[in-house]
């Protein structure tokens, strides 16, 4: 199936493991990132004024004319193509479009009625919206999307990137996460009195307005190789999050489990589709005492920690690889009648 990928970066680098799709019968195409200061500046000005990423869909029109499928990787890259499709403008109007959705259900759940209707209009022409957790399906249907228009696939990771020769696990506790939805305030309230050093990887914005406990070492944002090395050195990786519609924190949690660390996570509705107590340690949303209890117990109990780590690595490798994600993607297309 000739598939046009709408993605602002270089799709050839395999974001989200998309480089596995050719093995499943998808012939991928897309445009490369703009080169040169002036073209990038013009793009930034245009997209800032329109509040829409329009350059990739416009530059992709020649490839869309030859495509059997349009694949939008997340909402910003998909929005303008979906609007062209809704208005009946070729070539997007005549080509099936699938969007991998991360934030749409969350946006809708927080929107006022007028903005909610606007969000539905923006994406109503997408033939199939694939969320990354099943709880989002009901939110989208309640907002006005058709039941046959919405489904879910599991997110994945590349376990082979985080596995390897055993290294010394000299980091007792590592908390990591850089995006929206992290709840370091609750986490700090829980672990601040524990007799253990906690290392944190995050952006400054994640800690805005918070007091960092004396036993916490903040490393900020680090290069990927250092991030991977720290996951592999960690005995415990904590992923404290807020309750959002989408499974915020799943990337770090999956990669931490794949690296062989024991994972402690906030048991939000969405993230609980990825983890349970048989291979990770759940903490209730907003429960600082829960974080104190869980981290304290795992620090003291090497047997419990190692059992969770072993079970978690096996589960993620079996069920939450990128290969599994894209196999599910292909299955959903078939179930919804999207074929060449």
C-alpha atoms as a PDB file:
ATOM      1  CA  UNK A   1       0.000   0.000   0.000  1.00  0.00           C
ATOM      2  CA  UNK A   2       1.536   3.318  -1.073  1.00  0.00           C
ATOM      3  CA  UNK A   3       1.479   5.391   2.115  1.00  0.00           C
ATOM      4  CA  UNK A   4       2.201   9.101   2.468  1.00  0.00           C
ATOM      5  CA  UNK A   5       3.508   9.903   5.944  1.00  0.00           C
ATOM      6  CA  UNK A   6       2.687  13.376   7.268  1.00  0.00           C
ATOM      7  CA  UNK A   7       5.475  14.122   9.726  1.00  0.00           C
ATOM      8  CA  UNK A   8       7.438  17.301  10.320  1.00  0.00           C
ATOM      9  CA  UNK A   9      10.729  15.506  10.885  1.00  0.00           C
ATOM     10  CA  UNK A  10      12.508  12.939   8.751  1.00  0.00           C
ATOM     11  CA  UNK A  11      10.196   9.934   8.500  1.00  0.00           C
ATOM     12  CA  UNK A  12      13.126   7.889   7.159  1.00  0.00           C
ATOM     13  CA  UNK A  13      14.661   7.959  10.645  1.00  0.00           C
ATOM     14  CA  UNK A  14      11.892   5.687  11.867  1.00  0.00           C
ATOM     15  CA  UNK A  15       9.888   7.763  14.375  1.00  0.00           C
ATOM     16  CA  UNK A  16       7.733   5.468  16.518  1.00  0.00           C
ATOM     17  CA  UNK A  17       9.240   2.505  14.693  1.00  0.00           C
ATOM     18  CA  UNK A  18       7.493   3.446  11.445  1.00  0.00           C
ATOM     19  CA  UNK A  19      10.453   2.026   9.528  1.00  0.00           C
ATOM     20  CA  UNK A  20       8.928  -1.404  10.278  1.00  0.00           C
ATOM     21  CA  UNK A  21       5.903  -0.719   8.058  1.00  0.00           C
ATOM     22  CA  UNK A  22       7.576  -1.706   4.755  1.00  0.00           C
ATOM     23  CA  UNK A  23       7.923  -5.248   6.128  1.00  0.00           C
ATOM     24  CA  UNK A  24       4.122  -5.261   6.528  1.00  0.00           C
ATOM     25  CA  UNK A  25       3.434  -4.246   2.933  1.00  0.00           C
ATOM     26  CA  UNK A  26       3.443  -0.449   3.211  1.00  0.00           C
ATOM     27  CA  UNK A  27       5.500   1.558   0.714  1.00  0.00           C
ATOM     28  CA  UNK A  28       6.334   4.778   2.572  1.00  0.00           C
ATOM     29  CA  UNK A  29       6.884   8.246   1.153  1.00  0.00           C
ATOM     30  CA  UNK A  30       7.043  11.743   2.577  1.00  0.00           C
ATOM     31  CA  UNK A  31       8.779  15.090   2.329  1.00  0.00           C
ATOM     32  CA  UNK A  32      12.092  15.850   3.962  1.00  0.00           C
ATOM     33  CA  UNK A  33      12.536  18.665   6.500  1.00  0.00           C
ATOM     34  CA  UNK A  34      13.144  22.104   5.040  1.00  0.00           C
ATOM     35  CA  UNK A  35      16.785  23.050   4.610  1.00  0.00           C
ATOM     36  CA  UNK A  36      18.161  26.552   4.986  1.00  0.00           C
ATOM     37  CA  UNK A  37      17.454  29.378   7.384  1.00  0.00           C
ATOM     38  CA  UNK A  38      15.109  31.380   5.127  1.00  0.00           C
ATOM     39  CA  UNK A  39      12.716  28.519   4.229  1.00  0.00           C
ATOM     40  CA  UNK A  40      12.472  27.524   7.886  1.00  0.00           C
ATOM     41  CA  UNK A  41      11.873  31.128   8.923  1.00  0.00           C
ATOM     42  CA  UNK A  42       9.082  31.539   6.359  1.00  0.00           C
ATOM     43  CA  UNK A  43       7.513  28.293   7.544  1.00  0.00           C
ATOM     44  CA  UNK A  44       7.617  29.439  11.153  1.00  0.00           C
ATOM     45  CA  UNK A  45       6.009  32.792  10.320  1.00  0.00           C
ATOM     46  CA  UNK A  46       3.226  31.226   8.256  1.00  0.00           C
ATOM     47  CA  UNK A  47       2.440  28.506  10.755  1.00  0.00           C
ATOM     48  CA  UNK A  48       2.555  30.918  13.684  1.00  0.00           C
ATOM     49  CA  UNK A  49       0.058  33.246  12.013  1.00  0.00           C
ATOM     50  CA  UNK A  50      -2.271  30.428  10.991  1.00  0.00           C
ATOM     51  CA  UNK A  51      -1.822  28.359  14.171  1.00  0.00           C
ATOM     52  CA  UNK A  52      -1.662  25.369  11.830  1.00  0.00           C
ATOM     53  CA  UNK A  53       1.173  23.259  10.462  1.00  0.00           C
ATOM     54  CA  UNK A  54       0.415  23.686   6.756  1.00  0.00           C
ATOM     55  CA  UNK A  55       3.820  23.335   5.097  1.00  0.00           C
ATOM     56  CA  UNK A  56       4.185  19.544   5.249  1.00  0.00           C
ATOM     57  CA  UNK A  57       0.689  18.815   3.836  1.00  0.00           C
ATOM     58  CA  UNK A  58       1.159  21.406   1.068  1.00  0.00           C
ATOM     59  CA  UNK A  59       4.620  20.144   0.121  1.00  0.00           C
ATOM     60  CA  UNK A  60       3.247  16.594   0.188  1.00  0.00           C
ATOM     61  CA  UNK A  61       0.506  17.197  -2.416  1.00  0.00           C
ATOM     62  CA  UNK A  62       2.425  15.603  -5.341  1.00  0.00           C
ATOM     63  CA  UNK A  63       3.055  12.481  -3.257  1.00  0.00           C
ATOM     64  CA  UNK A  64      -0.542  12.445  -2.021  1.00  0.00           C
ATOM     65  CA  UNK A  65      -1.705  12.199  -5.632  1.00  0.00           C
ATOM     66  CA  UNK A  66       0.015   8.808  -5.902  1.00  0.00           C
ATOM     67  CA  UNK A  67      -0.814   7.507  -2.425  1.00  0.00           C
ATOM     68  CA  UNK A  68      -3.290   4.803  -1.419  1.00  0.00           C
ATOM     69  CA  UNK A  69      -3.223   5.996   2.183  1.00  0.00           C
ATOM     70  CA  UNK A  70      -2.449   9.190   4.103  1.00  0.00           C
ATOM     71  CA  UNK A  71      -0.924   8.497   7.526  1.00  0.00           C
ATOM     72  CA  UNK A  72      -0.834  11.481   9.878  1.00  0.00           C
ATOM     73  CA  UNK A  73       1.563  11.057  12.777  1.00  0.00           C
ATOM     74  CA  UNK A  74      -0.195  12.989  15.529  1.00  0.00           C
ATOM     75  CA  UNK A  75      -2.659  15.857  15.381  1.00  0.00           C
ATOM     76  CA  UNK A  76      -0.483  18.862  14.414  1.00  0.00           C
ATOM     77  CA  UNK A  77       0.832  17.087  11.316  1.00  0.00           C
ATOM     78  CA  UNK A  78      -2.651  15.870  10.347  1.00  0.00           C
ATOM     79  CA  UNK A  79      -4.851  18.910  10.954  1.00  0.00           C
ATOM     80  CA  UNK A  80      -4.455  20.813   7.673  1.00  0.00           C
ATOM     81  CA  UNK A  81      -4.727  17.720   5.479  1.00  0.00           C
ATOM     82  CA  UNK A  82      -7.909  16.778   7.355  1.00  0.00           C
ATOM     83  CA  UNK A  83      -9.326  20.253   6.716  1.00  0.00           C
ATOM     84  CA  UNK A  84      -8.526  20.023   2.995  1.00  0.00           C
ATOM     85  CA  UNK A  85     -10.184  16.609   2.918  1.00  0.00           C
ATOM     86  CA  UNK A  86     -13.294  17.956   4.679  1.00  0.00           C
ATOM     87  CA  UNK A  87     -13.593  20.710   2.065  1.00  0.00           C
ATOM     88  CA  UNK A  88     -13.342  18.187  -0.772  1.00  0.00           C
ATOM     89  CA  UNK A  89     -10.000  19.502  -2.022  1.00  0.00           C
ATOM     90  CA  UNK A  90      -7.918  16.927  -3.930  1.00  0.00           C
ATOM     91  CA  UNK A  91      -5.758  14.968  -3.614  1.00  0.00           C
ATOM     92  CA  UNK A  92      -6.546  14.618   0.083  1.00  0.00           C
ATOM     93  CA  UNK A  93     -10.298  14.440  -0.548  1.00  0.00           C
ATOM     94  CA  UNK A  94     -10.050  11.221  -2.519  1.00  0.00           C
ATOM     95  CA  UNK A  95      -7.563   9.306  -0.386  1.00  0.00           C
ATOM     96  CA  UNK A  96      -8.235   7.369   2.846  1.00  0.00           C
ATOM     97  CA  UNK A  97      -6.644   9.094   5.840  1.00  0.00           C
ATOM     98  CA  UNK A  98      -5.617   7.554   9.147  1.00  0.00           C
ATOM     99  CA  UNK A  99      -4.343   9.590  12.093  1.00  0.00           C
ATOM    100  CA  UNK A 100      -2.388   8.324  15.074  1.00  0.00           C
ATOM    101  CA  UNK A 101      -3.885  10.461  17.835  1.00  0.00           C
ATOM    102  CA  UNK A 102      -2.275  11.428  21.110  1.00  0.00           C
ATOM    103  CA  UNK A 103      -3.968  14.583  22.428  1.00  0.00           C
ATOM    104  CA  UNK A 104      -7.351  14.990  20.705  1.00  0.00           C
ATOM    105  CA  UNK A 105      -9.413  13.278  23.399  1.00  0.00           C
ATOM    106  CA  UNK A 106      -7.640  15.274  26.111  1.00  0.00           C
ATOM    107  CA  UNK A 107      -8.236  18.546  24.258  1.00  0.00           C
ATOM    108  CA  UNK A 108     -11.905  17.679  23.827  1.00  0.00           C
ATOM    109  CA  UNK A 109     -12.351  16.672  27.455  1.00  0.00           C
ATOM    110  CA  UNK A 110     -11.029  20.055  28.604  1.00  0.00           C
ATOM    111  CA  UNK A 111     -12.732  22.207  25.930  1.00  0.00           C
ATOM    112  CA  UNK A 112     -15.836  24.365  26.250  1.00  0.00           C
ATOM    113  CA  UNK A 113     -18.764  23.375  23.977  1.00  0.00           C
ATOM    114  CA  UNK A 114     -17.793  25.770  21.175  1.00  0.00           C
ATOM    115  CA  UNK A 115     -14.147  24.680  21.095  1.00  0.00           C
ATOM    116  CA  UNK A 116     -15.235  21.065  21.371  1.00  0.00           C
ATOM    117  CA  UNK A 117     -17.347  21.389  18.226  1.00  0.00           C
ATOM    118  CA  UNK A 118     -14.462  23.137  16.449  1.00  0.00           C
ATOM    119  CA  UNK A 119     -12.096  20.281  17.296  1.00  0.00           C
ATOM    120  CA  UNK A 120     -14.534  17.743  15.903  1.00  0.00           C
ATOM    121  CA  UNK A 121     -14.884  19.759  12.684  1.00  0.00           C
ATOM    122  CA  UNK A 122     -11.108  19.949  12.283  1.00  0.00           C
ATOM    123  CA  UNK A 123     -10.708  16.170  12.270  1.00  0.00           C
ATOM    124  CA  UNK A 124     -14.126  14.826  11.245  1.00  0.00           C
ATOM    125  CA  UNK A 125     -12.929  13.997   7.709  1.00  0.00           C
ATOM    126  CA  UNK A 126     -10.247  11.590   8.968  1.00  0.00           C
ATOM    127  CA  UNK A 127     -11.388   8.105   8.004  1.00  0.00           C
ATOM    128  CA  UNK A 128      -9.849   6.382  11.023  1.00  0.00           C
ATOM    129  CA  UNK A 129      -8.532   7.921  14.235  1.00  0.00           C
ATOM    130  CA  UNK A 130      -6.325   5.522  16.180  1.00  0.00           C
ATOM    131  CA  UNK A 131      -5.793   6.485  19.804  1.00  0.00           C
ATOM    132  CA  UNK A 132      -3.144   4.971  22.053  1.00  0.00           C
ATOM    133  CA  UNK A 133      -5.545   3.861  24.781  1.00  0.00           C
ATOM    134  CA  UNK A 134      -9.077   2.498  24.632  1.00  0.00           C
ATOM    135  CA  UNK A 135     -10.508   4.914  27.193  1.00  0.00           C
ATOM    136  CA  UNK A 136     -10.242   7.715  24.625  1.00  0.00           C
ATOM    137  CA  UNK A 137     -12.678   6.054  22.219  1.00  0.00           C
ATOM    138  CA  UNK A 138     -15.748   6.914  24.295  1.00  0.00           C
ATOM    139  CA  UNK A 139     -14.598  10.525  24.686  1.00  0.00           C
ATOM    140  CA  UNK A 140     -14.309  10.952  20.923  1.00  0.00           C
ATOM    141  CA  UNK A 141     -17.638   9.264  20.182  1.00  0.00           C
ATOM    142  CA  UNK A 142     -19.411  11.372  22.802  1.00  0.00           C
ATOM    143  CA  UNK A 143     -17.947  14.464  21.133  1.00  0.00           C
ATOM    144  CA  UNK A 144     -19.470  13.558  17.778  1.00  0.00           C
ATOM    145  CA  UNK A 145     -17.111  11.208  15.956  1.00  0.00           C
ATOM    146  CA  UNK A 146     -18.711   8.099  14.463  1.00  0.00           C
ATOM    147  CA  UNK A 147     -18.071   4.795  16.292  1.00  0.00           C
ATOM    148  CA  UNK A 148     -16.638   3.219  13.139  1.00  0.00           C
ATOM    149  CA  UNK A 149     -14.262   6.181  12.810  1.00  0.00           C
ATOM    150  CA  UNK A 150     -12.395   5.581  16.078  1.00  0.00           C
ATOM    151  CA  UNK A 151     -10.299   2.701  17.408  1.00  0.00           C
ATOM    152  CA  UNK A 152      -7.173   2.107  19.494  1.00  0.00           C
ATOM    153  CA  UNK A 153      -3.784   0.476  19.107  1.00  0.00           C
ATOM    154  CA  UNK A 154      -1.108  -0.055  21.768  1.00  0.00           C
ATOM    155  CA  UNK A 155       1.895   2.240  21.769  1.00  0.00           C
ATOM    156  CA  UNK A 156       5.285   0.588  21.693  1.00  0.00           C
ATOM    157  CA  UNK A 157       8.994   1.003  22.169  1.00  0.00           C
ATOM    158  CA  UNK A 158      12.181  -0.551  20.817  1.00  0.00           C
ATOM    159  CA  UNK A 159      13.148  -3.022  23.586  1.00  0.00           C
ATOM    160  CA  UNK A 160      16.360  -3.943  21.778  1.00  0.00           C
ATOM    161  CA  UNK A 161      17.652  -0.381  22.271  1.00  0.00           C
ATOM    162  CA  UNK A 162      17.444  -0.730  26.045  1.00  0.00           C
ATOM    163  CA  UNK A 163      18.500  -4.332  26.491  1.00  0.00           C
ATOM    164  CA  UNK A 164      22.115  -5.461  26.417  1.00  0.00           C
ATOM    165  CA  UNK A 165      24.969  -6.472  28.637  1.00  0.00           C
ATOM    166  CA  UNK A 166      24.275  -6.105  32.325  1.00  0.00           C
ATOM    167  CA  UNK A 167      25.665  -2.964  33.926  1.00  0.00           C
ATOM    168  CA  UNK A 168      25.962  -2.022  37.559  1.00  0.00           C
ATOM    169  CA  UNK A 169      22.663  -0.656  38.818  1.00  0.00           C
ATOM    170  CA  UNK A 170      24.114   2.130  40.915  1.00  0.00           C
ATOM    171  CA  UNK A 171      21.091   4.467  40.747  1.00  0.00           C
ATOM    172  CA  UNK A 172      18.584   3.514  43.434  1.00  0.00           C
ATOM    173  CA  UNK A 173      15.689   5.627  42.157  1.00  0.00           C
ATOM    174  CA  UNK A 174      15.309   7.501  38.883  1.00  0.00           C
ATOM    175  CA  UNK A 175      12.249   9.579  37.985  1.00  0.00           C
ATOM    176  CA  UNK A 176      12.048  10.588  34.349  1.00  0.00           C
ATOM    177  CA  UNK A 177       9.653  12.437  32.096  1.00  0.00           C
ATOM    178  CA  UNK A 178       9.742  15.635  30.121  1.00  0.00           C
ATOM    179  CA  UNK A 179       6.285  16.242  28.692  1.00  0.00           C
ATOM    180  CA  UNK A 180       2.965  17.600  29.898  1.00  0.00           C
ATOM    181  CA  UNK A 181       1.188  15.692  32.630  1.00  0.00           C
ATOM    182  CA  UNK A 182       4.057  14.915  34.999  1.00  0.00           C
ATOM    183  CA  UNK A 183       3.242  15.174  38.709  1.00  0.00           C
ATOM    184  CA  UNK A 184       6.560  15.745  40.403  1.00  0.00           C
ATOM    185  CA  UNK A 185       4.888  17.726  43.194  1.00  0.00           C
ATOM    186  CA  UNK A 186       3.050  14.689  44.533  1.00  0.00           C
ATOM    187  CA  UNK A 187       6.129  12.535  43.968  1.00  0.00           C
ATOM    188  CA  UNK A 188       8.437  14.909  45.877  1.00  0.00           C
ATOM    189  CA  UNK A 189       5.972  15.078  48.780  1.00  0.00           C
ATOM    190  CA  UNK A 190       6.176  11.307  48.971  1.00  0.00           C
ATOM    191  CA  UNK A 191       9.891  10.630  48.596  1.00  0.00           C
ATOM    192  CA  UNK A 192      11.328  13.734  50.244  1.00  0.00           C
ATOM    193  CA  UNK A 193      11.643  12.081  53.657  1.00  0.00           C
ATOM    194  CA  UNK A 194      13.027   8.762  52.428  1.00  0.00           C
ATOM    195  CA  UNK A 195      16.647   7.842  53.105  1.00  0.00           C
ATOM    196  CA  UNK A 196      17.485   7.424  49.419  1.00  0.00           C
ATOM    197  CA  UNK A 197      18.885   9.614  46.663  1.00  0.00           C
ATOM    198  CA  UNK A 198      16.412  10.216  43.844  1.00  0.00           C
ATOM    199  CA  UNK A 199      17.676  11.300  40.429  1.00  0.00           C
ATOM    200  CA  UNK A 200      15.311  13.239  38.156  1.00  0.00           C
ATOM    201  CA  UNK A 201      15.380  13.801  34.396  1.00  0.00           C
ATOM    202  CA  UNK A 202      12.957  16.513  33.316  1.00  0.00           C
ATOM    203  CA  UNK A 203      12.572  19.993  31.891  1.00  0.00           C
ATOM    204  CA  UNK A 204      12.707  23.079  34.135  1.00  0.00           C
ATOM    205  CA  UNK A 205       9.039  23.698  33.300  1.00  0.00           C
ATOM    206  CA  UNK A 206       8.134  20.367  34.909  1.00  0.00           C
ATOM    207  CA  UNK A 207       9.402  21.691  38.245  1.00  0.00           C
ATOM    208  CA  UNK A 208       8.056  25.245  38.043  1.00  0.00           C
ATOM    209  CA  UNK A 209       6.805  26.376  41.436  1.00  0.00           C
ATOM    210  CA  UNK A 210       8.028  23.240  43.207  1.00  0.00           C
ATOM    211  CA  UNK A 211      10.498  22.917  46.065  1.00  0.00           C
ATOM    212  CA  UNK A 212      13.020  20.191  45.276  1.00  0.00           C
ATOM    213  CA  UNK A 213      13.755  18.017  48.351  1.00  0.00           C
ATOM    214  CA  UNK A 214      17.331  17.725  49.594  1.00  0.00           C
ATOM    215  CA  UNK A 215      17.555  14.060  48.578  1.00  0.00           C
ATOM    216  CA  UNK A 216      16.646  14.796  44.937  1.00  0.00           C
ATOM    217  CA  UNK A 217      19.279  15.437  42.254  1.00  0.00           C
ATOM    218  CA  UNK A 218      17.894  17.147  39.137  1.00  0.00           C
ATOM    219  CA  UNK A 219      19.820  16.433  35.938  1.00  0.00           C
ATOM    220  CA  UNK A 220      17.545  18.326  33.570  1.00  0.00           C
ATOM    221  CA  UNK A 221      17.273  17.171  29.963  1.00  0.00           C
ATOM    222  CA  UNK A 222      20.104  14.896  28.848  1.00  0.00           C
ATOM    223  CA  UNK A 223      21.111  13.392  25.472  1.00  0.00           C
ATOM    224  CA  UNK A 224      19.364  10.168  24.484  1.00  0.00           C
ATOM    225  CA  UNK A 225      22.432   7.978  25.057  1.00  0.00           C
ATOM    226  CA  UNK A 226      22.763   9.296  28.608  1.00  0.00           C
ATOM    227  CA  UNK A 227      19.037   8.838  29.215  1.00  0.00           C
ATOM    228  CA  UNK A 228      19.257   5.234  28.034  1.00  0.00           C
ATOM    229  CA  UNK A 229      22.333   4.594  30.168  1.00  0.00           C
ATOM    230  CA  UNK A 230      20.628   5.997  33.267  1.00  0.00           C
ATOM    231  CA  UNK A 231      17.581   3.790  32.728  1.00  0.00           C
ATOM    232  CA  UNK A 232      19.858   0.762  32.536  1.00  0.00           C
ATOM    233  CA  UNK A 233      21.694   1.832  35.703  1.00  0.00           C
ATOM    234  CA  UNK A 234      18.478   2.378  37.668  1.00  0.00           C
ATOM    235  CA  UNK A 235      17.078  -0.148  40.105  1.00  0.00           C
ATOM    236  CA  UNK A 236      13.726   1.651  40.201  1.00  0.00           C
ATOM    237  CA  UNK A 237      12.239   4.055  37.655  1.00  0.00           C
ATOM    238  CA  UNK A 238       9.319   6.170  38.843  1.00  0.00           C
ATOM    239  CA  UNK A 239       6.817   7.705  36.419  1.00  0.00           C
ATOM    240  CA  UNK A 240       4.570  10.104  38.378  1.00  0.00           C
ATOM    241  CA  UNK A 241       1.785  11.610  36.275  1.00  0.00           C
ATOM    242  CA  UNK A 242      -1.554  13.361  36.410  1.00  0.00           C
ATOM    243  CA  UNK A 243      -4.822  11.854  35.188  1.00  0.00           C
ATOM    244  CA  UNK A 244      -5.103  12.758  31.508  1.00  0.00           C
ATOM    245  CA  UNK A 245      -7.155  11.167  28.739  1.00  0.00           C
ATOM    246  CA  UNK A 246      -4.046   9.829  27.016  1.00  0.00           C
ATOM    247  CA  UNK A 247      -1.380   7.586  28.581  1.00  0.00           C
ATOM    248  CA  UNK A 248       1.130  10.282  29.449  1.00  0.00           C
ATOM    249  CA  UNK A 249       4.324   8.682  30.695  1.00  0.00           C
ATOM    250  CA  UNK A 250       4.036   5.527  28.623  1.00  0.00           C
ATOM    251  CA  UNK A 251       7.251   6.046  26.649  1.00  0.00           C
ATOM    252  CA  UNK A 252       9.474   6.335  29.713  1.00  0.00           C
ATOM    253  CA  UNK A 253       7.632   3.566  31.541  1.00  0.00           C
ATOM    254  CA  UNK A 254       7.904   1.142  28.611  1.00  0.00           C
ATOM    255  CA  UNK A 255      11.564   1.948  28.005  1.00  0.00           C
ATOM    256  CA  UNK A 256      12.372   1.654  31.708  1.00  0.00           C
ATOM    257  CA  UNK A 257      10.752  -1.768  31.892  1.00  0.00           C
ATOM    258  CA  UNK A 258      12.565  -2.849  28.726  1.00  0.00           C
ATOM    259  CA  UNK A 259      15.840  -1.784  30.334  1.00  0.00           C
ATOM    260  CA  UNK A 260      15.274  -4.117  33.276  1.00  0.00           C
ATOM    261  CA  UNK A 261      14.353  -1.583  35.948  1.00  0.00           C
ATOM    262  CA  UNK A 262      11.448  -2.048  38.331  1.00  0.00           C
ATOM    263  CA  UNK A 263       8.785   0.470  37.273  1.00  0.00           C
ATOM    264  CA  UNK A 264       6.583   2.404  39.683  1.00  0.00           C
ATOM    265  CA  UNK A 265       3.853   4.396  37.953  1.00  0.00           C
ATOM    266  CA  UNK A 266       0.772   6.475  38.578  1.00  0.00           C
ATOM    267  CA  UNK A 267      -2.168   4.200  37.807  1.00  0.00           C
ATOM    268  CA  UNK A 268      -4.121   6.554  35.569  1.00  0.00           C
ATOM    269  CA  UNK A 269      -6.959   5.110  33.523  1.00  0.00           C
ATOM    270  CA  UNK A 270      -4.951   5.233  30.300  1.00  0.00           C
ATOM    271  CA  UNK A 271      -1.595   4.033  31.636  1.00  0.00           C
ATOM    272  CA  UNK A 272      -3.321   1.152  33.403  1.00  0.00           C
ATOM    273  CA  UNK A 273      -3.952  -0.305  29.928  1.00  0.00           C
ATOM    274  CA  UNK A 274      -0.174  -0.784  29.702  1.00  0.00           C
ATOM    275  CA  UNK A 275       0.795  -1.768  33.258  1.00  0.00           C
ATOM    276  CA  UNK A 276      -0.638  -3.657  36.196  1.00  0.00           C
ATOM    277  CA  UNK A 277       0.593  -4.896  39.566  1.00  0.00           C
ATOM    278  CA  UNK A 278       1.874  -8.198  38.177  1.00  0.00           C
ATOM    279  CA  UNK A 279       4.862  -6.506  36.529  1.00  0.00           C
ATOM    280  CA  UNK A 280       5.017  -2.938  37.905  1.00  0.00           C
ATOM    281  CA  UNK A 281       4.128  -1.057  41.085  1.00  0.00           C
ATOM    282  CA  UNK A 282       0.999   1.138  40.818  1.00  0.00           C
ATOM    283  CA  UNK A 283       0.403   4.297  42.841  1.00  0.00           C
ATOM    284  CA  UNK A 284      -2.968   6.041  42.939  1.00  0.00           C
ATOM    285  CA  UNK A 285      -3.331   9.452  41.292  1.00  0.00           C
ATOM    286  CA  UNK A 286      -2.268  12.272  43.612  1.00  0.00           C
ATOM    287  CA  UNK A 287      -1.203   9.863  46.380  1.00  0.00           C
ATOM    288  CA  UNK A 288       2.012  11.150  47.954  1.00  0.00           C
ATOM    289  CA  UNK A 289       1.814   8.604  50.779  1.00  0.00           C
ATOM    290  CA  UNK A 290       1.490   5.920  48.135  1.00  0.00           C
ATOM    291  CA  UNK A 291       4.732   7.054  46.523  1.00  0.00           C
ATOM    292  CA  UNK A 292       6.446   7.032  49.905  1.00  0.00           C
ATOM    293  CA  UNK A 293       5.212   3.510  50.625  1.00  0.00           C
ATOM    294  CA  UNK A 294       5.957   2.018  47.190  1.00  0.00           C
ATOM    295  CA  UNK A 295       9.407   3.539  46.703  1.00  0.00           C
ATOM    296  CA  UNK A 296      10.388   2.800  50.291  1.00  0.00           C
ATOM    297  CA  UNK A 297       9.324  -0.831  49.935  1.00  0.00           C
ATOM    298  CA  UNK A 298      11.083  -1.370  46.602  1.00  0.00           C
ATOM    299  CA  UNK A 299      14.298   0.183  47.899  1.00  0.00           C
ATOM    300  CA  UNK A 300      14.281  -2.219  50.843  1.00  0.00           C
ATOM    301  CA  UNK A 301      13.065  -5.355  49.044  1.00  0.00           C
ATOM    302  CA  UNK A 302      15.512  -6.490  46.395  1.00  0.00           C
ATOM    303  CA  UNK A 303      13.498  -9.663  45.752  1.00  0.00           C
ATOM    304  CA  UNK A 304      10.297  -7.747  44.996  1.00  0.00           C
ATOM    305  CA  UNK A 305      12.205  -5.224  42.910  1.00  0.00           C
ATOM    306  CA  UNK A 306      13.938  -7.882  40.835  1.00  0.00           C
ATOM    307  CA  UNK A 307      10.727  -9.862  40.336  1.00  0.00           C
ATOM    308  CA  UNK A 308       8.933  -6.804  38.961  1.00  0.00           C
ATOM    309  CA  UNK A 309      11.902  -5.920  36.775  1.00  0.00           C
ATOM    310  CA  UNK A 310      12.065  -9.400  35.252  1.00  0.00           C
ATOM    311  CA  UNK A 311       8.315  -9.620  34.665  1.00  0.00           C
ATOM    312  CA  UNK A 312       8.182  -6.100  33.273  1.00  0.00           C
ATOM    313  CA  UNK A 313      10.955  -6.671  30.767  1.00  0.00           C
ATOM    314  CA  UNK A 314       9.283  -9.866  29.527  1.00  0.00           C
ATOM    315  CA  UNK A 315       5.853  -8.215  29.224  1.00  0.00           C
ATOM    316  CA  UNK A 316       7.060  -5.167  27.308  1.00  0.00           C
ATOM    317  CA  UNK A 317       9.182  -7.251  24.947  1.00  0.00           C
ATOM    318  CA  UNK A 318       6.236  -9.538  24.221  1.00  0.00           C
ATOM    319  CA  UNK A 319       3.325  -7.079  24.001  1.00  0.00           C
ATOM    320  CA  UNK A 320       4.563  -3.500  23.650  1.00  0.00           C
ATOM    321  CA  UNK A 321       7.213  -3.408  20.957  1.00  0.00           C
ATOM    322  CA  UNK A 322       6.972  -1.147  17.920  1.00  0.00           C
ATOM    323  CA  UNK A 323       6.568  -4.311  15.849  1.00  0.00           C
ATOM    324  CA  UNK A 324       3.459  -5.189  17.842  1.00  0.00           C
ATOM    325  CA  UNK A 325       2.146  -1.623  17.492  1.00  0.00           C
ATOM    326  CA  UNK A 326       2.366  -1.607  13.704  1.00  0.00           C
ATOM    327  CA  UNK A 327       0.948  -5.116  13.376  1.00  0.00           C
ATOM    328  CA  UNK A 328      -2.052  -3.840  15.325  1.00  0.00           C
ATOM    329  CA  UNK A 329      -2.176  -0.818  12.997  1.00  0.00           C
ATOM    330  CA  UNK A 330      -2.392  -3.062   9.940  1.00  0.00           C
ATOM    331  CA  UNK A 331      -5.084  -5.181  11.581  1.00  0.00           C
ATOM    332  CA  UNK A 332      -7.207  -2.130  12.405  1.00  0.00           C
ATOM    333  CA  UNK A 333      -6.996  -0.864   8.833  1.00  0.00           C
ATOM    334  CA  UNK A 334      -8.294  -4.199   7.603  1.00  0.00           C
ATOM    335  CA  UNK A 335     -11.079  -4.281  10.200  1.00  0.00           C
ATOM    336  CA  UNK A 336     -12.212  -0.808   9.121  1.00  0.00           C
ATOM    337  CA  UNK A 337     -12.142  -1.629   5.423  1.00  0.00           C
ATOM    338  CA  UNK A 338      -9.141   0.508   4.497  1.00  0.00           C
ATOM    339  CA  UNK A 339      -7.377  -1.406   1.743  1.00  0.00           C
ATOM    340  CA  UNK A 340      -5.461  -0.428  -1.433  1.00  0.00           C
END
